[in-house]
Amino acid sequence: MAEFEAHNLATPGDVLVIQGVPNVSNMGGISAQTGKRQGEVGAIVQGGVRDVAHSRAVGYPVWASEVTPVTGKWRLEAAEINGPVQIATSR
């Protein structure tokens, strides 16, 4: 449920970026619905997500590195909000 604090701080037009963990859901349908209500334009998740059909149904685009049914609830915690984002590294 760590992503909900980020949703609370979001302003319309923001994109939620989550550097998550593999093999569990870092974001689900309720989170997508919350993001949509806050006016976010979507989310990018490094890690798993679930409830993809619900996210699509509410019109909240999510790009993720994996899809999993395994909930991350009570397994994750927010380490930083509004921190720097590194999309790719140069080699």
N, C-alpha and C. Protein backbone atom coordinates (compact mmCIF):
# COMPACT_ATOMS: atom_id res chain seq x y z
N MET A 1 0.82 -1.19 0.00
CA MET A 1 0.00 0.00 0.00
C MET A 1 0.87 1.26 0.00
N ALA A 2 2.16 1.08 -0.21
CA ALA A 2 3.08 2.21 -0.16
C ALA A 2 2.80 3.25 -1.23
N GLU A 3 2.28 2.82 -2.38
CA GLU A 3 2.07 3.77 -3.47
C GLU A 3 0.97 4.77 -3.16
N PHE A 4 0.12 4.52 -2.18
CA PHE A 4 -0.98 5.44 -1.89
C PHE A 4 -0.48 6.78 -1.37
N GLU A 5 0.65 6.81 -0.69
CA GLU A 5 1.19 8.10 -0.26
C GLU A 5 1.60 8.92 -1.47
N ALA A 6 2.15 8.27 -2.48
CA ALA A 6 2.51 8.98 -3.72
C ALA A 6 1.25 9.51 -4.40
N HIS A 7 0.18 8.72 -4.42
CA HIS A 7 -1.08 9.19 -4.99
C HIS A 7 -1.58 10.42 -4.24
N ASN A 8 -1.45 10.41 -2.93
CA ASN A 8 -1.92 11.54 -2.13
C ASN A 8 -1.17 12.83 -2.46
N LEU A 9 0.08 12.72 -2.89
CA LEU A 9 0.89 13.89 -3.22
C LEU A 9 0.77 14.29 -4.69
N ALA A 10 0.16 13.45 -5.48
CA ALA A 10 0.09 13.70 -6.93
C ALA A 10 -0.81 14.88 -7.26
N THR A 11 -0.44 15.55 -8.34
CA THR A 11 -1.26 16.62 -8.89
C THR A 11 -1.69 16.21 -10.29
N PRO A 12 -2.75 16.77 -10.81
CA PRO A 12 -3.21 16.42 -12.15
C PRO A 12 -2.08 16.53 -13.19
N GLY A 13 -1.98 15.50 -14.01
CA GLY A 13 -0.95 15.45 -15.04
C GLY A 13 0.29 14.68 -14.65
N ASP A 14 0.42 14.31 -13.38
CA ASP A 14 1.59 13.55 -12.93
C ASP A 14 1.56 12.12 -13.45
N VAL A 15 2.74 11.52 -13.56
CA VAL A 15 2.90 10.11 -13.85
C VAL A 15 3.53 9.47 -12.62
N LEU A 16 2.89 8.42 -12.11
CA LEU A 16 3.43 7.69 -10.96
C LEU A 16 4.52 6.76 -11.46
N VAL A 17 5.71 6.83 -10.88
CA VAL A 17 6.82 5.96 -11.24
C VAL A 17 7.19 5.15 -10.00
N ILE A 18 7.16 3.83 -10.14
CA ILE A 18 7.46 2.94 -9.02
C ILE A 18 8.64 2.06 -9.37
N GLN A 19 9.70 2.16 -8.59
CA GLN A 19 10.79 1.21 -8.69
C GLN A 19 10.47 0.13 -7.67
N GLY A 20 9.81 -0.91 -8.15
CA GLY A 20 9.29 -1.93 -7.26
C GLY A 20 10.20 -3.12 -7.13
N VAL A 21 9.60 -4.21 -6.74
CA VAL A 21 10.31 -5.47 -6.57
C VAL A 21 9.66 -6.52 -7.46
N PRO A 22 10.43 -7.50 -7.90
CA PRO A 22 9.88 -8.54 -8.77
C PRO A 22 9.05 -9.56 -7.99
N ASN A 23 8.22 -10.27 -8.73
CA ASN A 23 7.46 -11.43 -8.24
C ASN A 23 6.29 -11.12 -7.31
N VAL A 24 6.03 -9.85 -7.04
CA VAL A 24 4.83 -9.46 -6.30
C VAL A 24 4.26 -8.21 -6.95
N SER A 25 2.99 -7.94 -6.69
CA SER A 25 2.35 -6.77 -7.27
C SER A 25 2.75 -5.52 -6.50
N ASN A 26 3.24 -4.55 -7.23
CA ASN A 26 3.58 -3.25 -6.66
C ASN A 26 2.45 -2.25 -6.84
N MET A 27 1.44 -2.66 -7.62
CA MET A 27 0.30 -1.79 -7.90
C MET A 27 -0.85 -2.64 -8.43
N GLY A 28 -2.06 -2.31 -8.01
CA GLY A 28 -3.24 -3.05 -8.48
C GLY A 28 -4.35 -2.12 -8.90
N GLY A 29 -5.54 -2.68 -9.03
CA GLY A 29 -6.69 -1.95 -9.55
C GLY A 29 -7.15 -0.80 -8.68
N ILE A 30 -7.17 -0.99 -7.38
CA ILE A 30 -7.60 0.10 -6.49
C ILE A 30 -6.62 1.26 -6.58
N SER A 31 -5.35 0.95 -6.68
CA SER A 31 -4.34 1.98 -6.82
C SER A 31 -4.53 2.73 -8.15
N ALA A 32 -4.82 2.01 -9.22
CA ALA A 32 -5.07 2.65 -10.51
C ALA A 32 -6.28 3.56 -10.44
N GLN A 33 -7.32 3.11 -9.79
CA GLN A 33 -8.52 3.93 -9.65
C GLN A 33 -8.22 5.19 -8.83
N THR A 34 -7.41 5.05 -7.80
CA THR A 34 -7.02 6.20 -6.99
C THR A 34 -6.21 7.19 -7.82
N GLY A 35 -5.27 6.67 -8.61
CA GLY A 35 -4.47 7.53 -9.48
C GLY A 35 -5.33 8.28 -10.48
N LYS A 36 -6.28 7.59 -11.06
CA LYS A 36 -7.20 8.22 -12.01
C LYS A 36 -7.98 9.35 -11.33
N ARG A 37 -8.47 9.09 -10.13
CA ARG A 37 -9.22 10.10 -9.38
C ARG A 37 -8.36 11.32 -9.06
N GLN A 38 -7.06 11.11 -8.82
CA GLN A 38 -6.15 12.21 -8.51
C GLN A 38 -5.77 13.02 -9.76
N GLY A 39 -6.11 12.48 -10.94
CA GLY A 39 -5.77 13.18 -12.17
C GLY A 39 -4.45 12.76 -12.78
N GLU A 40 -3.85 11.72 -12.24
CA GLU A 40 -2.61 11.20 -12.83
C GLU A 40 -2.91 10.69 -14.24
N VAL A 41 -1.91 10.74 -15.10
CA VAL A 41 -2.11 10.28 -16.47
C VAL A 41 -1.69 8.84 -16.68
N GLY A 42 -1.11 8.21 -15.66
CA GLY A 42 -0.73 6.80 -15.76
C GLY A 42 0.41 6.48 -14.82
N ALA A 43 0.92 5.24 -14.97
CA ALA A 43 2.00 4.78 -14.10
C ALA A 43 3.00 3.95 -14.88
N ILE A 44 4.25 4.03 -14.45
CA ILE A 44 5.33 3.20 -14.95
C ILE A 44 5.87 2.43 -13.75
N VAL A 45 5.90 1.11 -13.86
CA VAL A 45 6.30 0.28 -12.73
C VAL A 45 7.42 -0.67 -13.13
N GLN A 46 8.54 -0.57 -12.44
CA GLN A 46 9.58 -1.58 -12.58
C GLN A 46 9.27 -2.63 -11.53
N GLY A 47 8.67 -3.72 -11.97
CA GLY A 47 8.20 -4.75 -11.06
C GLY A 47 6.81 -5.20 -11.49
N GLY A 48 6.18 -5.98 -10.65
CA GLY A 48 4.90 -6.56 -11.00
C GLY A 48 3.70 -5.66 -10.72
N VAL A 49 2.65 -5.88 -11.50
CA VAL A 49 1.35 -5.25 -11.27
C VAL A 49 0.28 -6.32 -11.41
N ARG A 50 -0.91 -6.03 -10.91
CA ARG A 50 -2.03 -6.94 -11.09
C ARG A 50 -3.29 -6.13 -11.41
N ASP A 51 -4.38 -6.82 -11.66
CA ASP A 51 -5.66 -6.18 -11.97
C ASP A 51 -5.58 -5.31 -13.23
N VAL A 52 -4.90 -5.81 -14.23
CA VAL A 52 -4.69 -5.05 -15.47
C VAL A 52 -6.02 -4.70 -16.13
N ALA A 53 -6.95 -5.63 -16.16
CA ALA A 53 -8.25 -5.36 -16.78
C ALA A 53 -8.97 -4.21 -16.08
N HIS A 54 -8.89 -4.14 -14.77
CA HIS A 54 -9.52 -3.05 -14.02
C HIS A 54 -8.85 -1.71 -14.35
N SER A 55 -7.53 -1.70 -14.41
CA SER A 55 -6.81 -0.48 -14.75
C SER A 55 -7.24 0.03 -16.12
N ARG A 56 -7.37 -0.89 -17.07
CA ARG A 56 -7.81 -0.50 -18.41
C ARG A 56 -9.25 0.00 -18.38
N ALA A 57 -10.09 -0.65 -17.59
CA ALA A 57 -11.51 -0.27 -17.53
C ALA A 57 -11.71 1.14 -17.00
N VAL A 58 -10.87 1.57 -16.07
CA VAL A 58 -11.01 2.93 -15.53
C VAL A 58 -10.22 3.95 -16.34
N GLY A 59 -9.52 3.49 -17.39
CA GLY A 59 -8.79 4.41 -18.26
C GLY A 59 -7.50 4.92 -17.67
N TYR A 60 -6.81 4.08 -16.90
CA TYR A 60 -5.55 4.45 -16.27
C TYR A 60 -4.44 3.57 -16.86
N PRO A 61 -3.63 4.10 -17.79
CA PRO A 61 -2.60 3.29 -18.41
C PRO A 61 -1.47 2.93 -17.44
N VAL A 62 -1.05 1.69 -17.50
CA VAL A 62 0.04 1.21 -16.66
C VAL A 62 1.03 0.45 -17.54
N TRP A 63 2.30 0.84 -17.45
CA TRP A 63 3.37 0.11 -18.11
C TRP A 63 4.19 -0.55 -17.01
N ALA A 64 4.40 -1.86 -17.12
CA ALA A 64 5.11 -2.60 -16.07
C ALA A 64 6.02 -3.65 -16.68
N SER A 65 7.00 -4.07 -15.92
CA SER A 65 7.93 -5.09 -16.40
C SER A 65 7.39 -6.50 -16.22
N GLU A 66 6.32 -6.66 -15.44
CA GLU A 66 5.70 -7.97 -15.30
C GLU A 66 4.28 -7.85 -14.75
N VAL A 67 3.51 -8.89 -14.94
CA VAL A 67 2.16 -8.99 -14.40
C VAL A 67 2.13 -10.22 -13.49
N THR A 68 1.57 -10.06 -12.31
CA THR A 68 1.51 -11.16 -11.35
C THR A 68 0.23 -11.07 -10.53
N PRO A 69 -0.34 -12.20 -10.14
CA PRO A 69 -1.51 -12.17 -9.26
C PRO A 69 -1.14 -12.06 -7.77
N VAL A 70 0.13 -12.13 -7.46
CA VAL A 70 0.58 -12.16 -6.06
C VAL A 70 0.56 -10.75 -5.48
N THR A 71 -0.25 -10.54 -4.47
CA THR A 71 -0.34 -9.23 -3.84
C THR A 71 0.96 -8.84 -3.14
N GLY A 72 1.27 -7.56 -3.22
CA GLY A 72 2.42 -7.04 -2.50
C GLY A 72 2.03 -6.41 -1.17
N LYS A 73 0.72 -6.44 -0.88
CA LYS A 73 0.22 -5.82 0.34
C LYS A 73 0.94 -6.38 1.56
N TRP A 74 1.42 -5.49 2.40
CA TRP A 74 2.14 -5.78 3.63
C TRP A 74 3.53 -6.35 3.37
N ARG A 75 3.97 -6.36 2.09
CA ARG A 75 5.31 -6.86 1.76
C ARG A 75 6.23 -5.74 1.27
N LEU A 76 5.67 -4.56 1.05
CA LEU A 76 6.43 -3.45 0.47
C LEU A 76 6.34 -2.23 1.38
N GLU A 77 7.32 -1.36 1.27
CA GLU A 77 7.25 -0.09 1.97
C GLU A 77 7.86 1.00 1.10
N ALA A 78 7.37 2.20 1.27
CA ALA A 78 7.91 3.33 0.50
C ALA A 78 9.26 3.70 1.08
N ALA A 79 10.27 3.79 0.20
CA ALA A 79 11.59 4.19 0.63
C ALA A 79 11.86 5.66 0.34
N GLU A 80 11.23 6.18 -0.72
CA GLU A 80 11.44 7.57 -1.10
C GLU A 80 10.28 8.02 -1.98
N ILE A 81 9.86 9.24 -1.80
CA ILE A 81 8.83 9.85 -2.63
C ILE A 81 9.40 11.14 -3.19
N ASN A 82 9.14 11.40 -4.47
CA ASN A 82 9.67 12.56 -5.18
C ASN A 82 11.19 12.52 -5.31
N GLY A 83 11.74 11.31 -5.38
CA GLY A 83 13.17 11.16 -5.58
C GLY A 83 13.51 11.18 -7.06
N PRO A 84 14.80 11.14 -7.37
CA PRO A 84 15.21 11.15 -8.77
C PRO A 84 14.80 9.85 -9.46
N VAL A 85 14.55 9.96 -10.76
CA VAL A 85 14.14 8.80 -11.57
C VAL A 85 15.19 8.59 -12.64
N GLN A 86 15.69 7.37 -12.74
CA GLN A 86 16.63 7.03 -13.79
C GLN A 86 15.94 6.03 -14.70
N ILE A 87 15.63 6.45 -15.91
CA ILE A 87 14.88 5.61 -16.85
C ILE A 87 15.78 4.57 -17.50
N ALA A 88 16.98 4.94 -17.89
CA ALA A 88 17.91 4.01 -18.52
C ALA A 88 19.33 4.43 -18.19
N THR A 89 20.22 3.49 -18.29
CA THR A 89 21.62 3.81 -18.05
C THR A 89 22.38 3.74 -19.36
N SER A 90 23.36 4.58 -19.49
CA SER A 90 24.21 4.50 -20.69
C SER A 90 25.37 3.56 -20.40
N ARG A 91 25.78 2.89 -21.40
CA ARG A 91 26.87 1.92 -21.21
C ARG A 91 28.07 2.33 -21.96
